[in-house]
PDB file of all heavy atoms in Angstrom:
ATOM      1  N   GLU A   1      25.620   9.184  -5.486  1.00  0.00           N
ATOM      2  CA  GLU A   1      24.782  10.367  -5.263  1.00  0.00           C
ATOM      3  C   GLU A   1      23.688  10.061  -4.243  1.00  0.00           C
ATOM      4  O   GLU A   1      23.412  10.876  -3.351  1.00  0.00           O
ATOM      5  CB  GLU A   1      24.145  10.807  -6.588  1.00  0.00           C
ATOM      6  CG  GLU A   1      25.116  11.399  -7.591  1.00  0.00           C
ATOM      7  CD  GLU A   1      24.447  11.716  -8.916  1.00  0.00           C
ATOM      8  OE1 GLU A   1      23.509  10.984  -9.294  1.00  0.00           O
ATOM      9  OE2 GLU A   1      24.859  12.689  -9.574  1.00  0.00           O
ATOM     10  N   LEU A   2      23.083   8.895  -4.374  1.00  0.00           N
ATOM     11  CA  LEU A   2      22.025   8.504  -3.443  1.00  0.00           C
ATOM     12  C   LEU A   2      22.559   8.374  -2.016  1.00  0.00           C
ATOM     13  O   LEU A   2      21.948   8.886  -1.068  1.00  0.00           O
ATOM     14  CB  LEU A   2      21.403   7.173  -3.875  1.00  0.00           C
ATOM     15  CG  LEU A   2      20.424   6.540  -2.886  1.00  0.00           C
ATOM     16  CD1 LEU A   2      19.200   7.429  -2.699  1.00  0.00           C
ATOM     17  CD2 LEU A   2      20.021   5.147  -3.338  1.00  0.00           C
ATOM     18  N   LEU A   3      23.702   7.726  -1.859  1.00  0.00           N
ATOM     19  CA  LEU A   3      24.245   7.502  -0.529  1.00  0.00           C
ATOM     20  C   LEU A   3      24.680   8.811   0.132  1.00  0.00           C
ATOM     21  O   LEU A   3      24.511   8.991   1.344  1.00  0.00           O
ATOM     22  CB  LEU A   3      25.414   6.518  -0.603  1.00  0.00           C
ATOM     23  CG  LEU A   3      25.038   5.105  -1.073  1.00  0.00           C
ATOM     24  CD1 LEU A   3      26.274   4.210  -1.126  1.00  0.00           C
ATOM     25  CD2 LEU A   3      23.966   4.492  -0.178  1.00  0.00           C
ATOM     26  N   ASN A   4      25.225   9.736  -0.649  1.00  0.00           N
ATOM     27  CA  ASN A   4      25.581  11.053  -0.097  1.00  0.00           C
ATOM     28  C   ASN A   4      24.332  11.809   0.347  1.00  0.00           C
ATOM     29  O   ASN A   4      24.326  12.470   1.383  1.00  0.00           O
ATOM     30  CB  ASN A   4      26.353  11.865  -1.141  1.00  0.00           C
ATOM     31  CG  ASN A   4      27.766  11.360  -1.348  1.00  0.00           C
ATOM     32  OD1 ASN A   4      28.361  10.771  -0.447  1.00  0.00           O
ATOM     33  ND2 ASN A   4      28.311  11.583  -2.531  1.00  0.00           N
ATOM     34  N   PHE A   5      23.282  11.697  -0.463  1.00  0.00           N
ATOM     35  CA  PHE A   5      22.012  12.350  -0.134  1.00  0.00           C
ATOM     36  C   PHE A   5      21.435  11.752   1.152  1.00  0.00           C
ATOM     37  O   PHE A   5      20.935  12.474   2.026  1.00  0.00           O
ATOM     38  CB  PHE A   5      21.036  12.171  -1.299  1.00  0.00           C
ATOM     39  CG  PHE A   5      19.763  12.954  -1.180  1.00  0.00           C
ATOM     40  CD1 PHE A   5      19.702  14.289  -1.548  1.00  0.00           C
ATOM     41  CD2 PHE A   5      18.597  12.343  -0.705  1.00  0.00           C
ATOM     42  CE1 PHE A   5      18.516  15.013  -1.448  1.00  0.00           C
ATOM     43  CE2 PHE A   5      17.415  13.054  -0.607  1.00  0.00           C
ATOM     44  CZ  PHE A   5      17.374  14.391  -0.978  1.00  0.00           C
ATOM     45  N   ALA A   6      21.503  10.426   1.275  1.00  0.00           N
ATOM     46  CA  ALA A   6      21.000   9.748   2.471  1.00  0.00           C
ATOM     47  C   ALA A   6      21.766  10.191   3.707  1.00  0.00           C
ATOM     48  O   ALA A   6      21.176  10.398   4.782  1.00  0.00           O
ATOM     49  CB  ALA A   6      21.118   8.234   2.285  1.00  0.00           C
ATOM     50  N   LYS A   7      23.063  10.356   3.569  1.00  0.00           N
ATOM     51  CA  LYS A   7      23.888  10.800   4.695  1.00  0.00           C
ATOM     52  C   LYS A   7      23.487  12.209   5.130  1.00  0.00           C
ATOM     53  O   LYS A   7      23.387  12.501   6.331  1.00  0.00           O
ATOM     54  CB  LYS A   7      25.362  10.766   4.304  1.00  0.00           C
ATOM     55  CG  LYS A   7      26.320  11.147   5.422  1.00  0.00           C
ATOM     56  CD  LYS A   7      27.763  11.029   4.971  1.00  0.00           C
ATOM     57  CE  LYS A   7      28.718  11.405   6.102  1.00  0.00           C
ATOM     58  NZ  LYS A   7      30.147  11.314   5.664  1.00  0.00           N
ATOM     59  N   GLN A   8      23.232  13.097   4.156  1.00  0.00           N
ATOM     60  CA  GLN A   8      22.834  14.465   4.469  1.00  0.00           C
ATOM     61  C   GLN A   8      21.506  14.496   5.221  1.00  0.00           C
ATOM     62  O   GLN A   8      21.283  15.368   6.064  1.00  0.00           O
ATOM     63  CB  GLN A   8      22.722  15.276   3.179  1.00  0.00           C
ATOM     64  CG  GLN A   8      24.050  15.507   2.466  1.00  0.00           C
ATOM     65  CD  GLN A   8      23.864  16.100   1.079  1.00  0.00           C
ATOM     66  OE1 GLN A   8      22.755  16.487   0.702  1.00  0.00           O
ATOM     67  NE2 GLN A   8      24.934  16.149   0.306  1.00  0.00           N
ATOM     68  N   HIS A   9      20.621  13.541   4.923  1.00  0.00           N
ATOM     69  CA  HIS A   9      19.304  13.507   5.562  1.00  0.00           C
ATOM     70  C   HIS A   9      19.273  12.597   6.790  1.00  0.00           C
ATOM     71  O   HIS A   9      18.203  12.378   7.356  1.00  0.00           O
ATOM     72  CB  HIS A   9      18.241  13.052   4.544  1.00  0.00           C
ATOM     73  CG  HIS A   9      17.872  14.109   3.554  1.00  0.00           C
ATOM     74  ND1 HIS A   9      18.717  14.507   2.530  1.00  0.00           N
ATOM     75  CD2 HIS A   9      16.767  14.898   3.440  1.00  0.00           C
ATOM     76  CE1 HIS A   9      18.138  15.458   1.826  1.00  0.00           C
ATOM     77  NE2 HIS A   9      16.965  15.718   2.361  1.00  0.00           N
ATOM     78  N   GLN A  10      20.448  12.063   7.146  1.00  0.00           N
ATOM     79  CA  GLN A  10      20.582  11.211   8.336  1.00  0.00           C
ATOM     80  C   GLN A  10      19.685   9.978   8.257  1.00  0.00           C
ATOM     81  O   GLN A  10      19.082   9.549   9.254  1.00  0.00           O
ATOM     82  CB  GLN A  10      20.288  12.022   9.618  1.00  0.00           C
ATOM     83  CG  GLN A  10      21.266  13.177   9.818  1.00  0.00           C
ATOM     84  CD  GLN A  10      20.992  13.962  11.094  1.00  0.00           C
ATOM     85  OE1 GLN A  10      19.866  14.039  11.575  1.00  0.00           O
ATOM     86  NE2 GLN A  10      22.039  14.543  11.662  1.00  0.00           N
ATOM     87  N   TRP A  11      19.598   9.405   7.060  1.00  0.00           N
ATOM     88  CA  TRP A  11      18.895   8.150   6.888  1.00  0.00           C
ATOM     89  C   TRP A  11      19.827   6.994   7.241  1.00  0.00           C
ATOM     90  O   TRP A  11      21.051   7.095   7.098  1.00  0.00           O
ATOM     91  CB  TRP A  11      18.412   7.993   5.440  1.00  0.00           C
ATOM     92  CG  TRP A  11      17.363   8.991   5.040  1.00  0.00           C
ATOM     93  CD1 TRP A  11      16.556   9.723   5.850  1.00  0.00           C
ATOM     94  CD2 TRP A  11      17.017   9.361   3.701  1.00  0.00           C
ATOM     95  NE1 TRP A  11      15.715  10.524   5.121  1.00  0.00           N
ATOM     96  CE2 TRP A  11      15.968  10.325   3.790  1.00  0.00           C
ATOM     97  CE3 TRP A  11      17.448   8.977   2.440  1.00  0.00           C
ATOM     98  CZ2 TRP A  11      15.383  10.898   2.674  1.00  0.00           C
ATOM     99  CZ3 TRP A  11      16.868   9.544   1.317  1.00  0.00           C
ATOM    100  CH2 TRP A  11      15.840  10.498   1.434  1.00  0.00           C
ATOM    101  N   VAL A  12      19.257   5.898   7.657  1.00  0.00           N
ATOM    102  CA  VAL A  12      20.043   4.719   8.013  1.00  0.00           C
ATOM    103  C   VAL A  12      20.262   3.875   6.764  1.00  0.00           C
ATOM    104  O   VAL A  12      19.292   3.426   6.126  1.00  0.00           O
ATOM    105  CB  VAL A  12      19.338   3.884   9.098  1.00  0.00           C
ATOM    106  CG1 VAL A  12      20.152   2.640   9.430  1.00  0.00           C
ATOM    107  CG2 VAL A  12      19.111   4.726  10.351  1.00  0.00           C
ATOM    108  N   VAL A  13      21.528   3.650   6.424  1.00  0.00           N
ATOM    109  CA  VAL A  13      21.884   2.907   5.218  1.00  0.00           C
ATOM    110  C   VAL A  13      22.411   1.529   5.603  1.00  0.00           C
ATOM    111  O   VAL A  13      23.306   1.403   6.440  1.00  0.00           O
ATOM    112  CB  VAL A  13      22.950   3.669   4.400  1.00  0.00           C
ATOM    113  CG1 VAL A  13      23.383   2.839   3.198  1.00  0.00           C
ATOM    114  CG2 VAL A  13      22.408   5.019   3.958  1.00  0.00           C
ATOM    115  N   SER A  14      21.845   0.486   4.992  1.00  0.00           N
ATOM    116  CA  SER A  14      22.286  -0.890   5.246  1.00  0.00           C
ATOM    117  C   SER A  14      22.862  -1.465   3.954  1.00  0.00           C
ATOM    118  O   SER A  14      22.102  -1.934   3.093  1.00  0.00           O
ATOM    119  CB  SER A  14      21.117  -1.753   5.730  1.00  0.00           C
ATOM    120  OG  SER A  14      21.513  -3.107   5.836  1.00  0.00           O
ATOM    121  N   PRO A  15      24.192  -1.439   3.781  1.00  0.00           N
ATOM    122  CA  PRO A  15      24.805  -1.992   2.564  1.00  0.00           C
ATOM    123  C   PRO A  15      24.511  -3.470   2.370  1.00  0.00           C
ATOM    124  O   PRO A  15      24.345  -3.926   1.238  1.00  0.00           O
ATOM    125  CB  PRO A  15      26.299  -1.745   2.798  1.00  0.00           C
ATOM    126  CG  PRO A  15      26.355  -0.620   3.773  1.00  0.00           C
ATOM    127  CD  PRO A  15      25.188  -0.844   4.676  1.00  0.00           C
ATOM    128  N   SER A  16      24.432  -4.229   3.465  1.00  0.00           N
ATOM    129  CA  SER A  16      24.199  -5.666   3.339  1.00  0.00           C
ATOM    130  C   SER A  16      22.798  -5.955   2.795  1.00  0.00           C
ATOM    131  O   SER A  16      22.605  -6.853   1.967  1.00  0.00           O
ATOM    132  CB  SER A  16      24.385  -6.353   4.699  1.00  0.00           C
ATOM    133  OG  SER A  16      23.481  -5.823   5.653  1.00  0.00           O
ATOM    134  N   GLU A  17      21.815  -5.179   3.255  1.00  0.00           N
ATOM    135  CA  GLU A  17      20.449  -5.360   2.779  1.00  0.00           C
ATOM    136  C   GLU A  17      20.135  -4.501   1.554  1.00  0.00           C
ATOM    137  O   GLU A  17      19.070  -4.646   0.951  1.00  0.00           O
ATOM    138  CB  GLU A  17      19.458  -5.017   3.895  1.00  0.00           C
ATOM    139  CG  GLU A  17      19.564  -5.904   5.117  1.00  0.00           C
ATOM    140  CD  GLU A  17      18.562  -5.521   6.192  1.00  0.00           C
ATOM    141  OE1 GLU A  17      17.731  -4.619   5.915  1.00  0.00           O
ATOM    142  OE2 GLU A  17      18.600  -6.103   7.282  1.00  0.00           O
ATOM    143  N   LYS A  18      21.071  -3.607   1.237  1.00  0.00           N
ATOM    144  CA  LYS A  18      20.864  -2.668   0.126  1.00  0.00           C
ATOM    145  C   LYS A  18      19.533  -1.933   0.309  1.00  0.00           C
ATOM    146  O   LYS A  18      18.703  -1.843  -0.600  1.00  0.00           O
ATOM    147  CB  LYS A  18      20.911  -3.384  -1.219  1.00  0.00           C
ATOM    148  CG  LYS A  18      22.267  -3.981  -1.538  1.00  0.00           C
ATOM    149  CD  LYS A  18      22.301  -4.595  -2.935  1.00  0.00           C
ATOM    150  CE  LYS A  18      23.690  -5.133  -3.249  1.00  0.00           C
ATOM    151  NZ  LYS A  18      23.773  -5.720  -4.588  1.00  0.00           N
ATOM    152  N   ARG A  19      19.386  -1.364   1.490  1.00  0.00           N
ATOM    153  CA  ARG A  19      18.129  -0.718   1.852  1.00  0.00           C
ATOM    154  C   ARG A  19      18.387   0.520   2.709  1.00  0.00           C
ATOM    155  O   ARG A  19      19.344   0.558   3.487  1.00  0.00           O
ATOM    156  CB  ARG A  19      17.243  -1.708   2.616  1.00  0.00           C
ATOM    157  CG  ARG A  19      15.904  -1.166   3.089  1.00  0.00           C
ATOM    158  CD  ARG A  19      15.057  -2.272   3.674  1.00  0.00           C
ATOM    159  NE  ARG A  19      14.557  -3.159   2.633  1.00  0.00           N
ATOM    160  CZ  ARG A  19      13.433  -2.956   1.937  1.00  0.00           C
ATOM    161  NH1 ARG A  19      12.674  -1.884   2.198  1.00  0.00           N
ATOM    162  NH2 ARG A  19      13.045  -3.790   1.009  1.00  0.00           N
ATOM    163  N   ILE A  20      17.551   1.524   2.517  1.00  0.00           N
ATOM    164  CA  ILE A  20      17.601   2.743   3.316  1.00  0.00           C
ATOM    165  C   ILE A  20      16.392   2.767   4.245  1.00  0.00           C
ATOM    166  O   ILE A  20      15.253   2.565   3.804  1.00  0.00           O
ATOM    167  CB  ILE A  20      17.597   4.000   2.422  1.00  0.00           C
ATOM    168  CG1 ILE A  20      18.898   4.096   1.625  1.00  0.00           C
ATOM    169  CG2 ILE A  20      17.401   5.258   3.256  1.00  0.00           C
ATOM    170  CD1 ILE A  20      18.910   5.223   0.627  1.00  0.00           C
ATOM    171  N   THR A  21      16.640   3.005   5.529  1.00  0.00           N
ATOM    172  CA  THR A  21      15.561   3.107   6.505  1.00  0.00           C
ATOM    173  C   THR A  21      15.435   4.554   6.959  1.00  0.00           C
ATOM    174  O   THR A  21      16.438   5.213   7.252  1.00  0.00           O
ATOM    175  CB  THR A  21      15.840   2.210   7.731  1.00  0.00           C
ATOM    176  OG1 THR A  21      15.958   0.856   7.279  1.00  0.00           O
ATOM    177  CG2 THR A  21      14.716   2.316   8.744  1.00  0.00           C
ATOM    178  N   PHE A  22      14.191   5.027   7.009  1.00  0.00           N
ATOM    179  CA  PHE A  22      13.941   6.422   7.347  1.00  0.00           C
ATOM    180  C   PHE A  22      13.644   6.556   8.832  1.00  0.00           C
ATOM    181  O   PHE A  22      12.993   5.681   9.424  1.00  0.00           O
ATOM    182  CB  PHE A  22      12.786   6.966   6.512  1.00  0.00           C
ATOM    183  CG  PHE A  22      12.963   6.730   5.041  1.00  0.00           C
ATOM    184  CD1 PHE A  22      12.162   5.823   4.361  1.00  0.00           C
ATOM    185  CD2 PHE A  22      13.969   7.388   4.344  1.00  0.00           C
ATOM    186  CE1 PHE A  22      12.351   5.601   3.010  1.00  0.00           C
ATOM    187  CE2 PHE A  22      14.152   7.162   2.993  1.00  0.00           C
ATOM    188  CZ  PHE A  22      13.347   6.264   2.321  1.00  0.00           C
ATOM    189  N   PRO A  23      14.085   7.640   9.453  1.00  0.00           N
ATOM    190  CA  PRO A  23      13.861   7.818  10.891  1.00  0.00           C
ATOM    191  C   PRO A  23      12.379   7.966  11.211  1.00  0.00           C
ATOM    192  O   PRO A  23      11.625   8.586  10.460  1.00  0.00           O
ATOM    193  CB  PRO A  23      14.637   9.094  11.223  1.00  0.00           C
ATOM    194  CG  PRO A  23      14.708   9.834   9.918  1.00  0.00           C
ATOM    195  CD  PRO A  23      14.813   8.781   8.857  1.00  0.00           C
ATOM    196  N   LYS A  24      11.972   7.380  12.345  1.00  0.00           N
ATOM    197  CA  LYS A  24      10.581   7.494  12.758  1.00  0.00           C
ATOM    198  C   LYS A  24      10.359   8.813  13.485  1.00  0.00           C
ATOM    199  O   LYS A  24      11.148   9.214  14.324  1.00  0.00           O
ATOM    200  CB  LYS A  24      10.213   6.336  13.692  1.00  0.00           C
ATOM    201  CG  LYS A  24      10.173   4.982  13.003  1.00  0.00           C
ATOM    202  CD  LYS A  24       9.731   3.908  13.974  1.00  0.00           C
ATOM    203  CE  LYS A  24       9.653   2.552  13.288  1.00  0.00           C
ATOM    204  NZ  LYS A  24       9.223   1.486  14.225  1.00  0.00           N
ATOM    205  N   THR A  25       9.272   9.475  13.149  1.00  0.00           N
ATOM    206  CA  THR A  25       8.886  10.702  13.840  1.00  0.00           C
ATOM    207  C   THR A  25       7.410  10.604  14.197  1.00  0.00           C
ATOM    208  O   THR A  25       6.690   9.726  13.710  1.00  0.00           O
ATOM    209  CB  THR A  25       9.101  11.947  12.959  1.00  0.00           C
ATOM    210  OG1 THR A  25       8.219  11.867  11.823  1.00  0.00           O
ATOM    211  CG2 THR A  25      10.541  12.018  12.462  1.00  0.00           C
ATOM    212  N   ALA A  26       6.968  11.527  15.015  1.00  0.00           N
ATOM    213  CA  ALA A  26       5.552  11.522  15.404  1.00  0.00           C
ATOM    214  C   ALA A  26       4.661  11.697  14.197  1.00  0.00           C
ATOM    215  O   ALA A  26       3.534  11.224  14.150  1.00  0.00           O
ATOM    216  CB  ALA A  26       5.294  12.633  16.417  1.00  0.00           C
ATOM    217  N   GLU A  27       5.216  12.366  13.157  1.00  0.00           N
ATOM    218  CA  GLU A  27       4.401  12.667  11.986  1.00  0.00           C
ATOM    219  C   GLU A  27       4.243  11.465  11.080  1.00  0.00           C
ATOM    220  O   GLU A  27       3.204  11.281  10.461  1.00  0.00           O
ATOM    221  CB  GLU A  27       5.037  13.829  11.195  1.00  0.00           C
ATOM    222  CG  GLU A  27       4.155  14.344  10.068  1.00  0.00           C
ATOM    223  CD  GLU A  27       4.746  15.574   9.407  1.00  0.00           C
ATOM    224  OE1 GLU A  27       5.849  15.982   9.785  1.00  0.00           O
ATOM    225  OE2 GLU A  27       4.083  16.117   8.514  1.00  0.00           O
ATOM    226  N   ASN A  28       5.287  10.615  10.989  1.00  0.00           N
ATOM    227  CA  ASN A  28       5.167   9.500  10.058  1.00  0.00           C
ATOM    228  C   ASN A  28       4.886   8.168  10.743  1.00  0.00           C
ATOM    229  O   ASN A  28       5.003   7.122  10.130  1.00  0.00           O
ATOM    230  CB  ASN A  28       6.419   9.391   9.177  1.00  0.00           C
ATOM    231  CG  ASN A  28       7.681   9.075   9.954  1.00  0.00           C
ATOM    232  OD1 ASN A  28       7.612   8.696  11.107  1.00  0.00           O
ATOM    233  ND2 ASN A  28       8.825   9.246   9.312  1.00  0.00           N
ATOM    234  N   THR A  29       4.531   8.194  12.025  1.00  0.00           N
ATOM    235  CA  THR A  29       4.102   6.954  12.654  1.00  0.00           C
ATOM    236  C   THR A  29       2.678   6.590  12.234  1.00  0.00           C
ATOM    237  O   THR A  29       2.273   5.444  12.325  1.00  0.00           O
ATOM    238  CB  THR A  29       4.145   7.072  14.189  1.00  0.00           C
ATOM    239  OG1 THR A  29       3.426   8.237  14.586  1.00  0.00           O
ATOM    240  CG2 THR A  29       5.588   7.177  14.679  1.00  0.00           C
TER     241      THR A  29
END
């Protein structure tokens, strides 16, 4: 469920690190 949700939000998923990285925007810099 988490991985499908991450895909819908275009988050970067790293199975090797077991970590989700969020895209950088002007708002969250």
